[in-house]
Amino acid sequence: MWPDRRLRARGLWQAGSVATFSEELRWRGLLHQVTDDAALPLLDRSRVTVYTGFDPTAASLHVGHLLPLLTLRRFQLAGHRPIALAGGATGMVGDPGGRTGERALLGTDELKANLEGIRSQLERFLDLDDALLLDNAAWLGSARLLDFLRDVGKHFTVGQMVAKESVRSRLEQGISYTEFSYMLLQAYDFLRLHAEHGCDLQVGGSDQWGNITMGVELVRRVTGDHVHGLTTPLLTKADGTKFGKSEAGAVWLDPSMTSPYQLYQFLLRAEDDAVGAYLRQLTFLDREEIERLDGETAARPEQRAAHRALAREVTALVHGAEEADRAERAARALFGEEIAALDERTLLDVVADAPSTVLARSELEELTVVDALVRTGLAPSRGAARRTQAQGGAYVNNRRVDDPERALSAGDLLHDRYVVLRRGRRDQHLLRFD
């Protein structure tokens, strides 16, 4: 799984027709800003320790975090040494960037639980034999206020801090001193990681540019060393809005919050104009394969080959190949007879968006398909239900029902309690018999 980093560290990066790691980052659309011209050549000729921070503001990371997570993994595969920094301390303060109002402060117990949740997700994406997973509470949690103000705060003016976009955009709405000070805490993280672990590069989303440049400056002023910063674009939809939200809310990496099937479906519905960028930024498919998928999408968009590859690859990265297989089978079964072979968890995922009705088990064999169509609201009347059936539009567990007198039976039950009723191509309803 993990290639020989000694070759990668000597600049012998090979990824299809992309000759160097910096060119790979550029081709994948992962370069937005760099603090200086020396940063990119450094990545191609020597081994660098690089860090990215993740604040535990929720019990799980979401799909939007995949871009920085996978970027760290790309650095490791290229021979560099990654540090994933969990913000046990900065998470108590809250980054003002990208928000129009003050964050709600998290309690200690909630923050601890969130930290445990995201730690396991960070571990999944990095080889910890040659990576570090740290928590900035280790140094910020015991920092003395007066010492911090003298050792860090004295290096920056209020004017410098106000000029940063993350602060400037909040001035009209109001920003507390707590969030105003966040950039100093993040700058101090870079200083500590540089001093203790030789970290010379911080990578983050473009909304972190101001915080990253503060860290670069702090390291220079305190140590005289020259370190670097690099930002990736924010992961966005084709219309420019943030990627990672569905109609139901955030798309989480924790399978108990967003199932693998739901993640797969979210990715499968990616906009045509954006799917090529997502393939480059969120998968490890090589250039030749991605460009082949670009061509297929342009020539035969209805086949959605790029979308299926994206959904498959990302679901496998997040949840493993077995769950990706399960999600693919479920997607194929959505309107096919394979629905009867799905395990109960996957079946409920597949019909999660469909309305449902709970009936007494005693009603099962008294209920004809026509009655069920009316009972569930799939047909407004028995006459309409009969016409639907006569036209071949009535389905039980995705099997067409032609007999107008056909009644439901115990043989129709999936997992001994469910029947999936469908009218036409798309209108589904889940019957549950208790």
Foldseek 3Di string as FASTA:
>chain_A
DADDLVCLFQQCDDFPPQGGLLSLCVVLQFFDDKPDPVVSVNLRHHAAEEEEEDELLDLFAFPLCLLVLVVQLSSVSSNYEYEYEYALPLNQQDALFPDQDGDDGDDNVRRVNSSVRHVVQSPLRDDVVRYHYYYLCVPPVPDDPVCLCVLQVVLDDPVLLCPQPSNVSHVVVDDDVSNSCSLSSLLVVLLVCCVPPVHQEYEEAPSCVSSRVSNQSSNCVPPVDGGMYTYTYRPPAPVRHHPQADPVGGGGLPCVVHNLLNLLVSLLPGDLVCLLSLCSRNASRGPVVSVVVVVCCVVPVVVSPSSNVSSLRNSCSSPNNVSSVLSVLLVVQLQALCLLVHDPVSNCVSCVVAAEDEDAQVCQQVAAQLNVCCVQVVAVDSVRSLVQLCVQFKDKSNHTDNDSRHGGDQVSDRVSFWIWIGGHRDHIYIYGHD
